[in-house]
């Protein structure tokens, strides 16, 4: 396990996935300058590691991420410049998370507020425990949402619900987030939470990683492309993936009536 001051990275080489732990449990994993810098270093490392074909992000302690560290915000003499610098640095990590081939899973183990919700929404899949709670958070302290929350949240839950969450800034329980499809599944207390998420990560890591990367990209572009340009994008990517080893394995396994053994190549 590699350790930074506020982040832990655990790589399961044989299984092909990794776990990033936000590690400021006494501060409910609130985002501060150090966590922002550590997270960027780790996510950059993960994105370049071809062994890692799925990424889990979770929190140490009882929270996923309770938002920004308001103590650090309060101590700043120029909050507008401080928040500009902090947010722009975290944006680098969001861009890497969205562009890397490996799918990402937010394993939401507790409170998920503010920028924590932004991070969870930037992941490709979200699972949570029954005790998890969610809130936009930003507007509760007089800020507009950041770190792509206003980009992702309406696409996940719909514009009307996203507006309700942001303007009323209420706490939403795990029961409700499953109904509005903010998470794929609420994992019961009887099941070891992270073990179930690991099983999902293992299934993804055994998949065709390059095809997953193209799929992520195409979904992202579908919100801005017109139909003709998007068809061109799909044609480009299906042609690229037709040249991969995984496609040959997929064809062979189909005719041999067996499960494919994808290698992410």
C-alpha atoms as a PDB file:
ATOM      1  CA  UNK A   1       0.000   0.000   0.000  1.00  0.00           C
ATOM      2  CA  UNK A   2       1.369   3.411  -1.022  1.00  0.00           C
ATOM      3  CA  UNK A   3       0.764   6.209   1.455  1.00  0.00           C
ATOM      4  CA  UNK A   4       0.398   9.946   1.065  1.00  0.00           C
ATOM      5  CA  UNK A   5      -0.473  12.263   3.916  1.00  0.00           C
ATOM      6  CA  UNK A   6      -4.214  12.269   3.228  1.00  0.00           C
ATOM      7  CA  UNK A   7      -4.688   9.424   0.720  1.00  0.00           C
ATOM      8  CA  UNK A   8      -4.097   5.685   0.702  1.00  0.00           C
ATOM      9  CA  UNK A   9      -3.783   3.637  -2.472  1.00  0.00           C
ATOM     10  CA  UNK A  10      -4.209  -0.123  -2.440  1.00  0.00           C
ATOM     11  CA  UNK A  11      -3.531  -1.989  -5.685  1.00  0.00           C
ATOM     12  CA  UNK A  12      -4.768  -5.532  -6.242  1.00  0.00           C
ATOM     13  CA  UNK A  13      -2.498  -6.523  -9.116  1.00  0.00           C
ATOM     14  CA  UNK A  14      -3.820 -10.034  -9.673  1.00  0.00           C
ATOM     15  CA  UNK A  15      -7.438  -8.848  -9.622  1.00  0.00           C
ATOM     16  CA  UNK A  16      -6.732  -5.772 -11.743  1.00  0.00           C
ATOM     17  CA  UNK A  17      -8.333  -3.064  -9.618  1.00  0.00           C
ATOM     18  CA  UNK A  18      -7.292  -0.486  -7.043  1.00  0.00           C
ATOM     19  CA  UNK A  19      -8.850   1.362  -4.113  1.00  0.00           C
ATOM     20  CA  UNK A  20      -8.248   5.013  -3.262  1.00  0.00           C
ATOM     21  CA  UNK A  21      -9.077   5.808   0.365  1.00  0.00           C
ATOM     22  CA  UNK A  22      -9.672   9.439   1.312  1.00  0.00           C
ATOM     23  CA  UNK A  23      -7.842   9.478   4.632  1.00  0.00           C
ATOM     24  CA  UNK A  24      -8.774  12.423   6.844  1.00  0.00           C
ATOM     25  CA  UNK A  25     -11.264  10.523   9.016  1.00  0.00           C
ATOM     26  CA  UNK A  26     -11.140  12.994  11.921  1.00  0.00           C
ATOM     27  CA  UNK A  27     -12.217  15.747   9.505  1.00  0.00           C
ATOM     28  CA  UNK A  28     -14.762  13.476   7.753  1.00  0.00           C
ATOM     29  CA  UNK A  29     -12.415  13.416   4.735  1.00  0.00           C
ATOM     30  CA  UNK A  30     -13.157  17.073   3.989  1.00  0.00           C
ATOM     31  CA  UNK A  31     -11.222  18.433   1.018  1.00  0.00           C
ATOM     32  CA  UNK A  32      -8.310  20.694   1.916  1.00  0.00           C
ATOM     33  CA  UNK A  33      -5.226  21.753  -0.032  1.00  0.00           C
ATOM     34  CA  UNK A  34      -3.195  18.694   0.936  1.00  0.00           C
ATOM     35  CA  UNK A  35      -5.942  16.219   0.096  1.00  0.00           C
ATOM     36  CA  UNK A  36      -6.487  17.972  -3.223  1.00  0.00           C
ATOM     37  CA  UNK A  37      -2.782  17.690  -4.102  1.00  0.00           C
ATOM     38  CA  UNK A  38      -2.472  14.102  -2.884  1.00  0.00           C
ATOM     39  CA  UNK A  39      -5.584  13.019  -4.764  1.00  0.00           C
ATOM     40  CA  UNK A  40      -4.273  14.513  -7.986  1.00  0.00           C
ATOM     41  CA  UNK A  41      -0.947  12.704  -7.612  1.00  0.00           C
ATOM     42  CA  UNK A  42      -2.691   9.405  -6.927  1.00  0.00           C
ATOM     43  CA  UNK A  43      -5.288   9.674  -9.702  1.00  0.00           C
ATOM     44  CA  UNK A  44      -2.548  10.571 -12.182  1.00  0.00           C
ATOM     45  CA  UNK A  45      -0.572   7.516 -11.053  1.00  0.00           C
ATOM     46  CA  UNK A  46      -3.620   5.269 -11.363  1.00  0.00           C
ATOM     47  CA  UNK A  47      -4.509   6.545 -14.845  1.00  0.00           C
ATOM     48  CA  UNK A  48      -1.033   5.573 -16.137  1.00  0.00           C
ATOM     49  CA  UNK A  49      -0.985   2.122 -14.535  1.00  0.00           C
ATOM     50  CA  UNK A  50      -2.241  -0.415 -17.089  1.00  0.00           C
ATOM     51  CA  UNK A  51      -2.611  -3.055 -14.366  1.00  0.00           C
ATOM     52  CA  UNK A  52      -5.478  -1.027 -12.893  1.00  0.00           C
ATOM     53  CA  UNK A  53      -8.601  -1.717 -14.953  1.00  0.00           C
ATOM     54  CA  UNK A  54     -11.135  -0.509 -12.389  1.00  0.00           C
ATOM     55  CA  UNK A  55     -10.878   2.049  -9.578  1.00  0.00           C
ATOM     56  CA  UNK A  56     -12.820   2.222  -6.315  1.00  0.00           C
ATOM     57  CA  UNK A  57     -12.882   5.504  -4.383  1.00  0.00           C
ATOM     58  CA  UNK A  58     -14.041   5.424  -0.769  1.00  0.00           C
ATOM     59  CA  UNK A  59     -13.421   7.102   2.578  1.00  0.00           C
ATOM     60  CA  UNK A  60     -11.728   6.058   5.777  1.00  0.00           C
ATOM     61  CA  UNK A  61     -13.823   6.338   8.921  1.00  0.00           C
ATOM     62  CA  UNK A  62     -17.519   7.147   8.955  1.00  0.00           C
ATOM     63  CA  UNK A  63     -17.694   9.539   5.973  1.00  0.00           C
ATOM     64  CA  UNK A  64     -17.063   9.390   2.252  1.00  0.00           C
ATOM     65  CA  UNK A  65     -16.327  13.118   2.023  1.00  0.00           C
ATOM     66  CA  UNK A  66     -18.212  15.790   3.954  1.00  0.00           C
ATOM     67  CA  UNK A  67     -17.340  18.553   1.484  1.00  0.00           C
ATOM     68  CA  UNK A  68     -14.702  21.250   1.653  1.00  0.00           C
ATOM     69  CA  UNK A  69     -12.682  21.960   4.789  1.00  0.00           C
ATOM     70  CA  UNK A  70     -14.400  25.091   6.097  1.00  0.00           C
ATOM     71  CA  UNK A  71     -11.690  25.649   8.709  1.00  0.00           C
ATOM     72  CA  UNK A  72      -9.123  26.097   5.953  1.00  0.00           C
ATOM     73  CA  UNK A  73     -11.527  28.320   4.014  1.00  0.00           C
ATOM     74  CA  UNK A  74     -12.121  30.538   7.062  1.00  0.00           C
ATOM     75  CA  UNK A  75      -8.408  31.014   7.698  1.00  0.00           C
ATOM     76  CA  UNK A  76      -7.765  32.303   4.196  1.00  0.00           C
ATOM     77  CA  UNK A  77      -7.250  36.071   3.907  1.00  0.00           C
ATOM     78  CA  UNK A  78      -8.515  36.063   0.311  1.00  0.00           C
ATOM     79  CA  UNK A  79     -11.212  33.369   0.110  1.00  0.00           C
ATOM     80  CA  UNK A  80     -12.017  34.088  -3.521  1.00  0.00           C
ATOM     81  CA  UNK A  81      -8.408  33.402  -4.601  1.00  0.00           C
ATOM     82  CA  UNK A  82      -8.071  30.449  -2.230  1.00  0.00           C
ATOM     83  CA  UNK A  83     -11.198  28.736  -3.518  1.00  0.00           C
ATOM     84  CA  UNK A  84     -10.278  29.528  -7.116  1.00  0.00           C
ATOM     85  CA  UNK A  85      -6.907  27.810  -6.670  1.00  0.00           C
ATOM     86  CA  UNK A  86      -8.307  24.850  -4.712  1.00  0.00           C
ATOM     87  CA  UNK A  87     -11.145  24.229  -7.151  1.00  0.00           C
ATOM     88  CA  UNK A  88      -9.003  24.585 -10.265  1.00  0.00           C
ATOM     89  CA  UNK A  89      -6.530  22.075  -8.824  1.00  0.00           C
ATOM     90  CA  UNK A  90      -9.307  19.592  -8.058  1.00  0.00           C
ATOM     91  CA  UNK A  91     -10.692  20.066 -11.562  1.00  0.00           C
ATOM     92  CA  UNK A  92      -7.486  18.473 -12.891  1.00  0.00           C
ATOM     93  CA  UNK A  93      -8.346  15.303 -10.996  1.00  0.00           C
ATOM     94  CA  UNK A  94     -11.935  15.269 -12.249  1.00  0.00           C
ATOM     95  CA  UNK A  95     -10.687  15.512 -15.837  1.00  0.00           C
ATOM     96  CA  UNK A  96      -8.329  12.561 -15.356  1.00  0.00           C
ATOM     97  CA  UNK A  97     -11.046  10.495 -13.669  1.00  0.00           C
ATOM     98  CA  UNK A  98     -13.404  11.084 -16.595  1.00  0.00           C
ATOM     99  CA  UNK A  99     -10.861  10.489 -19.367  1.00  0.00           C
ATOM    100  CA  UNK A 100      -9.077   7.348 -18.170  1.00  0.00           C
ATOM    101  CA  UNK A 101     -10.104   3.999 -19.657  1.00  0.00           C
ATOM    102  CA  UNK A 102     -10.582   2.282 -16.290  1.00  0.00           C
ATOM    103  CA  UNK A 103     -14.155   2.698 -15.012  1.00  0.00           C
ATOM    104  CA  UNK A 104     -14.490   4.217 -11.540  1.00  0.00           C
ATOM    105  CA  UNK A 105     -16.775   3.313  -8.644  1.00  0.00           C
ATOM    106  CA  UNK A 106     -17.687   5.577  -5.730  1.00  0.00           C
ATOM    107  CA  UNK A 107     -18.109   3.357  -2.663  1.00  0.00           C
ATOM    108  CA  UNK A 108     -20.019   5.817  -0.494  1.00  0.00           C
ATOM    109  CA  UNK A 109     -19.548   4.631   3.078  1.00  0.00           C
ATOM    110  CA  UNK A 110     -21.088   7.612   4.873  1.00  0.00           C
ATOM    111  CA  UNK A 111     -21.718  11.345   4.553  1.00  0.00           C
ATOM    112  CA  UNK A 112     -21.380  12.581   0.969  1.00  0.00           C
ATOM    113  CA  UNK A 113     -21.738  16.363   0.857  1.00  0.00           C
ATOM    114  CA  UNK A 114     -20.567  19.221  -1.338  1.00  0.00           C
ATOM    115  CA  UNK A 115     -17.419  18.371  -3.267  1.00  0.00           C
ATOM    116  CA  UNK A 116     -17.775  14.810  -1.986  1.00  0.00           C
ATOM    117  CA  UNK A 117     -21.005  14.582  -3.973  1.00  0.00           C
ATOM    118  CA  UNK A 118     -19.205  16.149  -6.944  1.00  0.00           C
ATOM    119  CA  UNK A 119     -16.560  13.435  -6.776  1.00  0.00           C
ATOM    120  CA  UNK A 120     -19.130  10.656  -6.418  1.00  0.00           C
ATOM    121  CA  UNK A 121     -21.104  11.943  -9.406  1.00  0.00           C
ATOM    122  CA  UNK A 122     -17.926  12.104 -11.506  1.00  0.00           C
ATOM    123  CA  UNK A 123     -17.445   8.355 -10.987  1.00  0.00           C
ATOM    124  CA  UNK A 124     -18.993   5.951 -13.460  1.00  0.00           C
ATOM    125  CA  UNK A 125     -20.920   3.986 -10.819  1.00  0.00           C
ATOM    126  CA  UNK A 126     -22.047   4.705  -7.266  1.00  0.00           C
ATOM    127  CA  UNK A 127     -22.919   2.336  -4.407  1.00  0.00           C
ATOM    128  CA  UNK A 128     -23.640   3.302  -0.821  1.00  0.00           C
ATOM    129  CA  UNK A 129     -24.345   1.935   2.631  1.00  0.00           C
ATOM    130  CA  UNK A 130     -27.735   2.324   4.319  1.00  0.00           C
ATOM    131  CA  UNK A 131     -26.267   4.942   6.684  1.00  0.00           C
ATOM    132  CA  UNK A 132     -24.995   7.173   3.854  1.00  0.00           C
ATOM    133  CA  UNK A 133     -26.458  10.669   3.561  1.00  0.00           C
ATOM    134  CA  UNK A 134     -26.191  13.132   0.697  1.00  0.00           C
ATOM    135  CA  UNK A 135     -26.441  16.889   0.209  1.00  0.00           C
ATOM    136  CA  UNK A 136     -25.303  19.432  -2.368  1.00  0.00           C
ATOM    137  CA  UNK A 137     -23.832  21.409   0.509  1.00  0.00           C
ATOM    138  CA  UNK A 138     -22.327  24.285  -1.475  1.00  0.00           C
ATOM    139  CA  UNK A 139     -25.421  26.484  -1.363  1.00  0.00           C
ATOM    140  CA  UNK A 140     -25.728  25.905   2.392  1.00  0.00           C
ATOM    141  CA  UNK A 141     -22.601  28.015   2.925  1.00  0.00           C
ATOM    142  CA  UNK A 142     -23.326  30.558   0.201  1.00  0.00           C
ATOM    143  CA  UNK A 143     -21.417  28.974  -2.679  1.00  0.00           C
ATOM    144  CA  UNK A 144     -22.483  27.730  -6.078  1.00  0.00           C
ATOM    145  CA  UNK A 145     -21.722  24.057  -6.791  1.00  0.00           C
ATOM    146  CA  UNK A 146     -18.347  23.162  -8.262  1.00  0.00           C
ATOM    147  CA  UNK A 147     -16.159  20.295  -9.498  1.00  0.00           C
ATOM    148  CA  UNK A 148     -18.636  19.360 -12.246  1.00  0.00           C
ATOM    149  CA  UNK A 149     -21.575  18.787  -9.906  1.00  0.00           C
ATOM    150  CA  UNK A 150     -23.873  20.930 -12.060  1.00  0.00           C
ATOM    151  CA  UNK A 151     -22.632  19.005 -15.102  1.00  0.00           C
ATOM    152  CA  UNK A 152     -23.166  15.486 -13.777  1.00  0.00           C
ATOM    153  CA  UNK A 153     -26.027  15.693 -11.280  1.00  0.00           C
ATOM    154  CA  UNK A 154     -28.799  16.736 -13.741  1.00  0.00           C
ATOM    155  CA  UNK A 155     -27.712  13.957 -16.114  1.00  0.00           C
ATOM    156  CA  UNK A 156     -27.974  11.394 -13.321  1.00  0.00           C
ATOM    157  CA  UNK A 157     -31.162  12.410 -11.485  1.00  0.00           C
ATOM    158  CA  UNK A 158     -32.807  14.811 -13.955  1.00  0.00           C
ATOM    159  CA  UNK A 159     -32.803  18.603 -14.008  1.00  0.00           C
ATOM    160  CA  UNK A 160     -35.812  19.083 -11.741  1.00  0.00           C
ATOM    161  CA  UNK A 161     -34.423  16.898  -8.952  1.00  0.00           C
ATOM    162  CA  UNK A 162     -30.954  18.429  -9.327  1.00  0.00           C
ATOM    163  CA  UNK A 163     -32.457  21.898  -8.887  1.00  0.00           C
ATOM    164  CA  UNK A 164     -34.390  20.735  -5.847  1.00  0.00           C
ATOM    165  CA  UNK A 165     -31.273  19.271  -4.277  1.00  0.00           C
ATOM    166  CA  UNK A 166     -29.236  22.417  -4.929  1.00  0.00           C
ATOM    167  CA  UNK A 167     -31.819  25.052  -3.996  1.00  0.00           C
ATOM    168  CA  UNK A 168     -33.314  23.378  -0.930  1.00  0.00           C
ATOM    169  CA  UNK A 169     -29.992  21.841   0.127  1.00  0.00           C
ATOM    170  CA  UNK A 170     -31.727  19.181   2.161  1.00  0.00           C
ATOM    171  CA  UNK A 171     -30.203  15.986   3.484  1.00  0.00           C
ATOM    172  CA  UNK A 172     -31.164  12.991   1.345  1.00  0.00           C
ATOM    173  CA  UNK A 173     -31.125   9.492   2.782  1.00  0.00           C
ATOM    174  CA  UNK A 174     -29.863   6.323   1.130  1.00  0.00           C
ATOM    175  CA  UNK A 175     -33.439   5.169   0.631  1.00  0.00           C
ATOM    176  CA  UNK A 176     -34.247   8.213  -1.490  1.00  0.00           C
ATOM    177  CA  UNK A 177     -31.016   8.240  -3.516  1.00  0.00           C
ATOM    178  CA  UNK A 178     -31.750   4.715  -4.697  1.00  0.00           C
ATOM    179  CA  UNK A 179     -35.221   5.804  -5.850  1.00  0.00           C
ATOM    180  CA  UNK A 180     -33.858   8.761  -7.814  1.00  0.00           C
ATOM    181  CA  UNK A 181     -31.056   6.549  -9.209  1.00  0.00           C
ATOM    182  CA  UNK A 182     -28.254   8.637  -7.796  1.00  0.00           C
ATOM    183  CA  UNK A 183     -26.761   5.301  -6.720  1.00  0.00           C
ATOM    184  CA  UNK A 184     -27.018   1.945  -8.439  1.00  0.00           C
ATOM    185  CA  UNK A 185     -27.614   0.068  -5.211  1.00  0.00           C
ATOM    186  CA  UNK A 186     -27.807   0.551  -1.461  1.00  0.00           C
ATOM    187  CA  UNK A 187     -25.876  -2.291   0.149  1.00  0.00           C
ATOM    188  CA  UNK A 188     -27.449  -3.645   3.307  1.00  0.00           C
ATOM    189  CA  UNK A 189     -25.753  -3.581   6.696  1.00  0.00           C
ATOM    190  CA  UNK A 190     -25.674  -7.383   6.720  1.00  0.00           C
ATOM    191  CA  UNK A 191     -23.316  -7.431   3.729  1.00  0.00           C
ATOM    192  CA  UNK A 192     -19.669  -6.336   4.081  1.00  0.00           C
ATOM    193  CA  UNK A 193     -19.944  -3.136   2.066  1.00  0.00           C
ATOM    194  CA  UNK A 194     -16.501  -2.897   0.541  1.00  0.00           C
ATOM    195  CA  UNK A 195     -16.364  -6.615  -0.212  1.00  0.00           C
ATOM    196  CA  UNK A 196     -19.483  -6.346  -2.356  1.00  0.00           C
ATOM    197  CA  UNK A 197     -18.065  -3.330  -4.182  1.00  0.00           C
ATOM    198  CA  UNK A 198     -14.805  -5.227  -4.730  1.00  0.00           C
ATOM    199  CA  UNK A 199     -16.774  -8.036  -6.375  1.00  0.00           C
ATOM    200  CA  UNK A 200     -18.282  -5.497  -8.783  1.00  0.00           C
ATOM    201  CA  UNK A 201     -14.832  -3.995  -9.454  1.00  0.00           C
ATOM    202  CA  UNK A 202     -13.448  -7.458 -10.188  1.00  0.00           C
ATOM    203  CA  UNK A 203     -16.169  -8.066 -12.760  1.00  0.00           C
ATOM    204  CA  UNK A 204     -15.364  -4.748 -14.451  1.00  0.00           C
ATOM    205  CA  UNK A 205     -11.601  -5.333 -14.329  1.00  0.00           C
ATOM    206  CA  UNK A 206     -12.145  -8.591 -16.218  1.00  0.00           C
ATOM    207  CA  UNK A 207     -13.848  -6.678 -19.031  1.00  0.00           C
ATOM    208  CA  UNK A 208     -12.549  -5.078 -22.248  1.00  0.00           C
ATOM    209  CA  UNK A 209     -10.882  -1.981 -20.789  1.00  0.00           C
ATOM    210  CA  UNK A 210     -10.262  -0.158 -24.069  1.00  0.00           C
ATOM    211  CA  UNK A 211     -13.875  -0.677 -25.108  1.00  0.00           C
ATOM    212  CA  UNK A 212     -14.954   0.633 -21.705  1.00  0.00           C
ATOM    213  CA  UNK A 213     -12.788   3.726 -22.243  1.00  0.00           C
ATOM    214  CA  UNK A 214     -14.414   4.346 -25.620  1.00  0.00           C
ATOM    215  CA  UNK A 215     -17.849   3.824 -24.092  1.00  0.00           C
ATOM    216  CA  UNK A 216     -17.136   6.371 -21.358  1.00  0.00           C
ATOM    217  CA  UNK A 217     -15.944   8.870 -23.964  1.00  0.00           C
ATOM    218  CA  UNK A 218     -18.944   8.343 -26.244  1.00  0.00           C
ATOM    219  CA  UNK A 219     -21.447   8.780 -23.418  1.00  0.00           C
ATOM    220  CA  UNK A 220     -19.681  12.006 -22.443  1.00  0.00           C
ATOM    221  CA  UNK A 221     -19.692  13.373 -25.990  1.00  0.00           C
ATOM    222  CA  UNK A 222     -23.326  12.417 -26.558  1.00  0.00           C
ATOM    223  CA  UNK A 223     -24.448  15.505 -24.627  1.00  0.00           C
ATOM    224  CA  UNK A 224     -22.713  17.931 -26.976  1.00  0.00           C
ATOM    225  CA  UNK A 225     -22.500  16.171 -30.343  1.00  0.00           C
ATOM    226  CA  UNK A 226     -25.202  16.380 -32.975  1.00  0.00           C
ATOM    227  CA  UNK A 227     -26.368  13.051 -34.415  1.00  0.00           C
ATOM    228  CA  UNK A 228     -24.117  13.071 -37.476  1.00  0.00           C
ATOM    229  CA  UNK A 229     -20.945  13.966 -35.592  1.00  0.00           C
ATOM    230  CA  UNK A 230     -21.757  11.400 -32.924  1.00  0.00           C
ATOM    231  CA  UNK A 231     -22.219   8.669 -35.508  1.00  0.00           C
ATOM    232  CA  UNK A 232     -18.774   9.617 -36.815  1.00  0.00           C
ATOM    233  CA  UNK A 233     -17.347   9.307 -33.300  1.00  0.00           C
ATOM    234  CA  UNK A 234     -18.956   5.894 -32.842  1.00  0.00           C
ATOM    235  CA  UNK A 235     -17.573   4.727 -36.185  1.00  0.00           C
ATOM    236  CA  UNK A 236     -14.087   5.867 -35.223  1.00  0.00           C
ATOM    237  CA  UNK A 237     -14.153   4.074 -31.867  1.00  0.00           C
ATOM    238  CA  UNK A 238     -15.735   0.823 -33.005  1.00  0.00           C
ATOM    239  CA  UNK A 239     -13.050   0.628 -35.709  1.00  0.00           C
ATOM    240  CA  UNK A 240     -10.297   1.235 -33.153  1.00  0.00           C
ATOM    241  CA  UNK A 241     -11.689  -1.441 -30.844  1.00  0.00           C
ATOM    242  CA  UNK A 242     -12.030  -3.905 -33.714  1.00  0.00           C
ATOM    243  CA  UNK A 243      -8.221  -3.893 -33.876  1.00  0.00           C
ATOM    244  CA  UNK A 244      -7.772  -4.890 -30.212  1.00  0.00           C
ATOM    245  CA  UNK A 245      -6.807  -8.273 -28.832  1.00  0.00           C
ATOM    246  CA  UNK A 246      -9.931  -8.169 -26.684  1.00  0.00           C
ATOM    247  CA  UNK A 247     -12.178  -8.081 -29.745  1.00  0.00           C
ATOM    248  CA  UNK A 248     -10.468 -11.164 -31.179  1.00  0.00           C
ATOM    249  CA  UNK A 249     -10.889 -12.882 -27.821  1.00  0.00           C
ATOM    250  CA  UNK A 250     -14.529 -11.849 -27.702  1.00  0.00           C
ATOM    251  CA  UNK A 251     -15.183 -13.339 -31.149  1.00  0.00           C
ATOM    252  CA  UNK A 252     -13.294 -16.555 -30.366  1.00  0.00           C
ATOM    253  CA  UNK A 253     -15.025 -17.054 -27.022  1.00  0.00           C
ATOM    254  CA  UNK A 254     -18.443 -16.545 -28.627  1.00  0.00           C
ATOM    255  CA  UNK A 255     -17.935 -19.291 -31.179  1.00  0.00           C
ATOM    256  CA  UNK A 256     -16.223 -21.546 -28.638  1.00  0.00           C
ATOM    257  CA  UNK A 257     -19.168 -21.048 -26.267  1.00  0.00           C
ATOM    258  CA  UNK A 258     -17.043 -19.947 -23.310  1.00  0.00           C
ATOM    259  CA  UNK A 259     -16.563 -16.817 -21.220  1.00  0.00           C
ATOM    260  CA  UNK A 260     -14.098 -14.356 -22.766  1.00  0.00           C
ATOM    261  CA  UNK A 261     -10.745 -13.825 -21.093  1.00  0.00           C
ATOM    262  CA  UNK A 262     -10.199 -10.131 -21.756  1.00  0.00           C
ATOM    263  CA  UNK A 263      -6.772  -8.618 -21.082  1.00  0.00           C
ATOM    264  CA  UNK A 264      -7.515  -4.926 -21.565  1.00  0.00           C
ATOM    265  CA  UNK A 265      -5.435  -4.831 -24.744  1.00  0.00           C
END
